[in-house]
């Protein structure tokens, strides 16, 4: 998170990093823990957006979320119900299938995923793509051949440039 955050901040974006695990005292993650705490983490993210939108140097009409893995699932889930979210960049995450029962809307999404991801299978990216296409929502997608869960080197650099371009396109004047 440090690299995209510092790079985006250097280009004028206001960056906030919520620590949603702190609300539940979570130090390790399993499917059971995710299932139990997901609603609380969603509320934490909602509260974070509320806080950020009240900051004097933040335009509440131009709030985007960037999430990695579980954070991407949370970002997309919040964007599906929170009209304050204008754009989401999701790194190797997805949209929980259960959100089809709660989804009110979605916003433009940048999907960045590794083809060889063993933690969050690339099928999650394709599922999200189908949802966005079905709803007519703008998106961009990059699947990195051979990449797993987490990016480094040239893939990380490319993902960072795509992130900057996408956020600039949808959040800047």
C-alpha atoms as a PDB file:
ATOM      1  CA  UNK A   1       0.000   0.000   0.000  1.00  0.00           C
ATOM      2  CA  UNK A   2       2.844   2.381   0.733  1.00  0.00           C
ATOM      3  CA  UNK A   3       3.928   2.780  -2.892  1.00  0.00           C
ATOM      4  CA  UNK A   4       0.581   3.554  -4.501  1.00  0.00           C
ATOM      5  CA  UNK A   5      -0.362   5.777  -1.560  1.00  0.00           C
ATOM      6  CA  UNK A   6       2.805   7.881  -1.604  1.00  0.00           C
ATOM      7  CA  UNK A   7       2.827   8.107  -5.393  1.00  0.00           C
ATOM      8  CA  UNK A   8      -0.794   9.264  -5.507  1.00  0.00           C
ATOM      9  CA  UNK A   9      -0.276  11.718  -2.644  1.00  0.00           C
ATOM     10  CA  UNK A  10       2.672  13.219  -4.510  1.00  0.00           C
ATOM     11  CA  UNK A  11       0.292  13.912  -7.401  1.00  0.00           C
ATOM     12  CA  UNK A  12      -2.219  15.785  -5.287  1.00  0.00           C
ATOM     13  CA  UNK A  13      -4.609  13.047  -4.184  1.00  0.00           C
ATOM     14  CA  UNK A  14      -5.662  13.058  -0.514  1.00  0.00           C
ATOM     15  CA  UNK A  15      -4.839   9.575   0.762  1.00  0.00           C
ATOM     16  CA  UNK A  16      -6.322   7.903   3.830  1.00  0.00           C
ATOM     17  CA  UNK A  17      -5.637   4.315   4.860  1.00  0.00           C
ATOM     18  CA  UNK A  18      -8.298   2.865   7.165  1.00  0.00           C
ATOM     19  CA  UNK A  19      -7.165   0.060   9.423  1.00  0.00           C
ATOM     20  CA  UNK A  20     -10.362  -1.960   9.469  1.00  0.00           C
ATOM     21  CA  UNK A  21      -8.719  -4.910  11.293  1.00  0.00           C
ATOM     22  CA  UNK A  22      -8.256  -2.617  14.306  1.00  0.00           C
ATOM     23  CA  UNK A  23     -12.002  -2.413  14.865  1.00  0.00           C
ATOM     24  CA  UNK A  24     -12.184  -6.178  15.418  1.00  0.00           C
ATOM     25  CA  UNK A  25      -8.710  -6.815  16.830  1.00  0.00           C
ATOM     26  CA  UNK A  26      -7.991  -9.101  13.903  1.00  0.00           C
ATOM     27  CA  UNK A  27      -4.416 -10.269  13.408  1.00  0.00           C
ATOM     28  CA  UNK A  28      -4.985 -13.379  11.276  1.00  0.00           C
ATOM     29  CA  UNK A  29      -7.515 -13.978   8.530  1.00  0.00           C
ATOM     30  CA  UNK A  30      -9.497 -17.103   7.691  1.00  0.00           C
ATOM     31  CA  UNK A  31     -12.744 -17.639   5.829  1.00  0.00           C
ATOM     32  CA  UNK A  32     -14.597 -17.878   9.147  1.00  0.00           C
ATOM     33  CA  UNK A  33     -13.103 -14.623  10.442  1.00  0.00           C
ATOM     34  CA  UNK A  34     -13.864 -12.855   7.164  1.00  0.00           C
ATOM     35  CA  UNK A  35     -17.462 -14.087   7.226  1.00  0.00           C
ATOM     36  CA  UNK A  36     -17.883 -13.014  10.870  1.00  0.00           C
ATOM     37  CA  UNK A  37     -16.253  -9.580  10.595  1.00  0.00           C
ATOM     38  CA  UNK A  38     -17.071  -8.484   7.030  1.00  0.00           C
ATOM     39  CA  UNK A  39     -20.121  -6.399   8.084  1.00  0.00           C
ATOM     40  CA  UNK A  40     -18.109  -4.655  10.812  1.00  0.00           C
ATOM     41  CA  UNK A  41     -15.284  -3.937   8.375  1.00  0.00           C
ATOM     42  CA  UNK A  42     -17.846  -2.594   5.896  1.00  0.00           C
ATOM     43  CA  UNK A  43     -19.120  -0.224   8.597  1.00  0.00           C
ATOM     44  CA  UNK A  44     -15.533   0.816   9.317  1.00  0.00           C
ATOM     45  CA  UNK A  45     -15.017   1.695   5.674  1.00  0.00           C
ATOM     46  CA  UNK A  46     -18.352   3.548   5.588  1.00  0.00           C
ATOM     47  CA  UNK A  47     -17.297   5.525   8.664  1.00  0.00           C
ATOM     48  CA  UNK A  48     -13.923   6.239   7.042  1.00  0.00           C
ATOM     49  CA  UNK A  49     -15.612   7.659   3.945  1.00  0.00           C
ATOM     50  CA  UNK A  50     -17.794   9.807   6.213  1.00  0.00           C
ATOM     51  CA  UNK A  51     -14.707  11.129   7.996  1.00  0.00           C
ATOM     52  CA  UNK A  52     -12.763  11.765   4.794  1.00  0.00           C
ATOM     53  CA  UNK A  53     -15.681  13.522   3.110  1.00  0.00           C
ATOM     54  CA  UNK A  54     -15.750  16.095   5.937  1.00  0.00           C
ATOM     55  CA  UNK A  55     -12.081  17.041   5.600  1.00  0.00           C
ATOM     56  CA  UNK A  56     -11.586  20.608   4.325  1.00  0.00           C
ATOM     57  CA  UNK A  57      -9.123  19.619   1.591  1.00  0.00           C
ATOM     58  CA  UNK A  58     -11.315  16.796   0.249  1.00  0.00           C
ATOM     59  CA  UNK A  59     -14.003  17.219  -2.374  1.00  0.00           C
ATOM     60  CA  UNK A  60     -16.782  14.900  -1.144  1.00  0.00           C
ATOM     61  CA  UNK A  61     -17.984  14.580  -4.744  1.00  0.00           C
ATOM     62  CA  UNK A  62     -14.706  12.937  -5.799  1.00  0.00           C
ATOM     63  CA  UNK A  63     -14.038  10.037  -3.444  1.00  0.00           C
ATOM     64  CA  UNK A  64     -12.445   6.870  -4.736  1.00  0.00           C
ATOM     65  CA  UNK A  65     -11.423   3.652  -3.048  1.00  0.00           C
ATOM     66  CA  UNK A  66      -8.362   1.538  -3.727  1.00  0.00           C
ATOM     67  CA  UNK A  67      -8.325  -1.934  -2.218  1.00  0.00           C
ATOM     68  CA  UNK A  68      -5.974  -4.888  -2.162  1.00  0.00           C
ATOM     69  CA  UNK A  69      -7.303  -8.458  -1.844  1.00  0.00           C
ATOM     70  CA  UNK A  70      -9.801  -8.419   1.056  1.00  0.00           C
ATOM     71  CA  UNK A  71      -9.663  -4.621   0.956  1.00  0.00           C
ATOM     72  CA  UNK A  72     -10.768  -4.779  -2.680  1.00  0.00           C
ATOM     73  CA  UNK A  73     -13.764  -6.920  -1.724  1.00  0.00           C
ATOM     74  CA  UNK A  74     -14.657  -4.354   0.936  1.00  0.00           C
ATOM     75  CA  UNK A  75     -14.156  -1.402  -1.428  1.00  0.00           C
ATOM     76  CA  UNK A  76     -16.369  -2.934  -4.102  1.00  0.00           C
ATOM     77  CA  UNK A  77     -19.015  -3.973  -1.584  1.00  0.00           C
ATOM     78  CA  UNK A  78     -19.164  -0.467  -0.158  1.00  0.00           C
ATOM     79  CA  UNK A  79     -19.277   1.077  -3.627  1.00  0.00           C
ATOM     80  CA  UNK A  80     -22.260  -1.168  -4.373  1.00  0.00           C
ATOM     81  CA  UNK A  81     -24.310   0.585  -1.673  1.00  0.00           C
ATOM     82  CA  UNK A  82     -22.642   3.966  -1.078  1.00  0.00           C
ATOM     83  CA  UNK A  83     -23.344   6.679  -3.646  1.00  0.00           C
ATOM     84  CA  UNK A  84     -20.478   8.780  -2.278  1.00  0.00           C
ATOM     85  CA  UNK A  85     -17.971   6.415  -3.903  1.00  0.00           C
ATOM     86  CA  UNK A  86     -17.194   7.591  -7.453  1.00  0.00           C
ATOM     87  CA  UNK A  87     -14.554   5.065  -8.487  1.00  0.00           C
ATOM     88  CA  UNK A  88     -12.845   1.880  -7.264  1.00  0.00           C
ATOM     89  CA  UNK A  89      -9.437   0.468  -8.079  1.00  0.00           C
ATOM     90  CA  UNK A  90      -9.302  -3.146  -7.066  1.00  0.00           C
ATOM     91  CA  UNK A  91      -6.056  -5.110  -6.862  1.00  0.00           C
ATOM     92  CA  UNK A  92      -6.513  -8.903  -6.899  1.00  0.00           C
ATOM     93  CA  UNK A  93      -9.891  -8.899  -5.176  1.00  0.00           C
ATOM     94  CA  UNK A  94     -13.473  -9.245  -6.289  1.00  0.00           C
ATOM     95  CA  UNK A  95     -17.126  -8.583  -5.582  1.00  0.00           C
ATOM     96  CA  UNK A  96     -18.720 -11.034  -3.143  1.00  0.00           C
ATOM     97  CA  UNK A  97     -21.461 -13.028  -4.848  1.00  0.00           C
ATOM     98  CA  UNK A  98     -23.753 -12.200  -1.899  1.00  0.00           C
ATOM     99  CA  UNK A  99     -23.698  -8.519  -2.882  1.00  0.00           C
ATOM    100  CA  UNK A 100     -26.199  -9.288  -5.648  1.00  0.00           C
ATOM    101  CA  UNK A 101     -28.840  -9.159  -2.902  1.00  0.00           C
ATOM    102  CA  UNK A 102     -27.738  -5.738  -1.622  1.00  0.00           C
ATOM    103  CA  UNK A 103     -26.279  -3.976  -4.643  1.00  0.00           C
ATOM    104  CA  UNK A 104     -27.923  -0.651  -5.397  1.00  0.00           C
ATOM    105  CA  UNK A 105     -25.343   0.660  -7.831  1.00  0.00           C
ATOM    106  CA  UNK A 106     -21.710   0.524  -8.827  1.00  0.00           C
ATOM    107  CA  UNK A 107     -19.208   3.042 -10.118  1.00  0.00           C
ATOM    108  CA  UNK A 108     -16.349   2.810 -12.621  1.00  0.00           C
ATOM    109  CA  UNK A 109     -13.858   0.116 -11.620  1.00  0.00           C
ATOM    110  CA  UNK A 110     -10.263  -0.640 -12.515  1.00  0.00           C
ATOM    111  CA  UNK A 111      -9.673  -4.390 -12.207  1.00  0.00           C
ATOM    112  CA  UNK A 112      -6.045  -5.482 -11.726  1.00  0.00           C
ATOM    113  CA  UNK A 113      -5.468  -9.202 -11.233  1.00  0.00           C
ATOM    114  CA  UNK A 114      -2.816 -11.861 -11.657  1.00  0.00           C
ATOM    115  CA  UNK A 115      -3.707 -14.743 -13.953  1.00  0.00           C
ATOM    116  CA  UNK A 116      -1.956 -17.243 -11.665  1.00  0.00           C
ATOM    117  CA  UNK A 117      -3.404 -15.924  -8.374  1.00  0.00           C
ATOM    118  CA  UNK A 118      -3.862 -18.893  -6.040  1.00  0.00           C
ATOM    119  CA  UNK A 119      -5.369 -16.840  -3.198  1.00  0.00           C
ATOM    120  CA  UNK A 120      -8.092 -15.004  -5.134  1.00  0.00           C
ATOM    121  CA  UNK A 121      -8.614 -16.864  -8.415  1.00  0.00           C
ATOM    122  CA  UNK A 122      -8.688 -14.779 -11.588  1.00  0.00           C
ATOM    123  CA  UNK A 123     -12.289 -15.957 -12.078  1.00  0.00           C
ATOM    124  CA  UNK A 124     -13.215 -13.310  -9.501  1.00  0.00           C
ATOM    125  CA  UNK A 125     -11.998 -10.632 -11.921  1.00  0.00           C
ATOM    126  CA  UNK A 126     -14.029 -12.131 -14.749  1.00  0.00           C
ATOM    127  CA  UNK A 127     -17.121 -12.351 -12.528  1.00  0.00           C
ATOM    128  CA  UNK A 128     -16.768  -8.652 -11.701  1.00  0.00           C
ATOM    129  CA  UNK A 129     -16.302  -7.867 -15.389  1.00  0.00           C
ATOM    130  CA  UNK A 130     -19.586  -9.625 -16.202  1.00  0.00           C
ATOM    131  CA  UNK A 131     -21.453  -7.733 -13.471  1.00  0.00           C
ATOM    132  CA  UNK A 132     -20.111  -4.404 -14.720  1.00  0.00           C
ATOM    133  CA  UNK A 133     -20.915  -5.198 -18.349  1.00  0.00           C
ATOM    134  CA  UNK A 134     -24.425  -6.355 -17.477  1.00  0.00           C
ATOM    135  CA  UNK A 135     -25.071  -3.090 -15.628  1.00  0.00           C
ATOM    136  CA  UNK A 136     -23.390  -0.945 -18.295  1.00  0.00           C
ATOM    137  CA  UNK A 137     -20.789   0.417 -15.886  1.00  0.00           C
ATOM    138  CA  UNK A 138     -17.447   1.695 -17.156  1.00  0.00           C
ATOM    139  CA  UNK A 139     -14.417  -0.385 -16.270  1.00  0.00           C
ATOM    140  CA  UNK A 140     -10.883  -1.121 -17.291  1.00  0.00           C
ATOM    141  CA  UNK A 141      -9.232  -4.450 -16.691  1.00  0.00           C
ATOM    142  CA  UNK A 142      -5.697  -5.785 -16.780  1.00  0.00           C
ATOM    143  CA  UNK A 143      -4.966  -9.448 -16.164  1.00  0.00           C
ATOM    144  CA  UNK A 144      -1.235 -10.004 -15.756  1.00  0.00           C
ATOM    145  CA  UNK A 145      -0.085 -13.334 -17.254  1.00  0.00           C
ATOM    146  CA  UNK A 146       1.848 -15.474 -14.806  1.00  0.00           C
ATOM    147  CA  UNK A 147       1.337 -13.058 -11.897  1.00  0.00           C
ATOM    148  CA  UNK A 148       0.095 -14.312  -8.562  1.00  0.00           C
ATOM    149  CA  UNK A 149      -1.434 -12.647  -5.527  1.00  0.00           C
ATOM    150  CA  UNK A 150       0.504  -9.416  -5.155  1.00  0.00           C
ATOM    151  CA  UNK A 151       2.531  -7.545  -7.707  1.00  0.00           C
ATOM    152  CA  UNK A 152       6.188  -6.623  -7.878  1.00  0.00           C
ATOM    153  CA  UNK A 153       8.663  -5.239 -10.371  1.00  0.00           C
ATOM    154  CA  UNK A 154       7.374  -4.172 -13.767  1.00  0.00           C
ATOM    155  CA  UNK A 155       3.855  -5.465 -13.036  1.00  0.00           C
ATOM    156  CA  UNK A 156       3.648  -3.320  -9.915  1.00  0.00           C
ATOM    157  CA  UNK A 157       4.904  -0.312 -11.871  1.00  0.00           C
ATOM    158  CA  UNK A 158       2.360  -0.887 -14.650  1.00  0.00           C
ATOM    159  CA  UNK A 159      -0.473  -1.324 -12.136  1.00  0.00           C
ATOM    160  CA  UNK A 160       0.561   1.928 -10.454  1.00  0.00           C
ATOM    161  CA  UNK A 161       0.512   3.825 -13.750  1.00  0.00           C
ATOM    162  CA  UNK A 162      -2.875   2.376 -14.635  1.00  0.00           C
ATOM    163  CA  UNK A 163      -4.171   3.343 -11.197  1.00  0.00           C
ATOM    164  CA  UNK A 164      -2.963   6.926 -11.571  1.00  0.00           C
ATOM    165  CA  UNK A 165      -4.467   7.201 -15.047  1.00  0.00           C
ATOM    166  CA  UNK A 166      -7.814   5.745 -13.957  1.00  0.00           C
ATOM    167  CA  UNK A 167      -8.144   7.910 -10.855  1.00  0.00           C
ATOM    168  CA  UNK A 168      -7.122  10.995 -12.810  1.00  0.00           C
ATOM    169  CA  UNK A 169      -9.713  10.214 -15.474  1.00  0.00           C
ATOM    170  CA  UNK A 170     -12.583   9.859 -12.999  1.00  0.00           C
ATOM    171  CA  UNK A 171     -11.659  12.085 -10.051  1.00  0.00           C
ATOM    172  CA  UNK A 172      -9.720  15.049 -11.366  1.00  0.00           C
ATOM    173  CA  UNK A 173     -11.302  18.160 -12.910  1.00  0.00           C
END
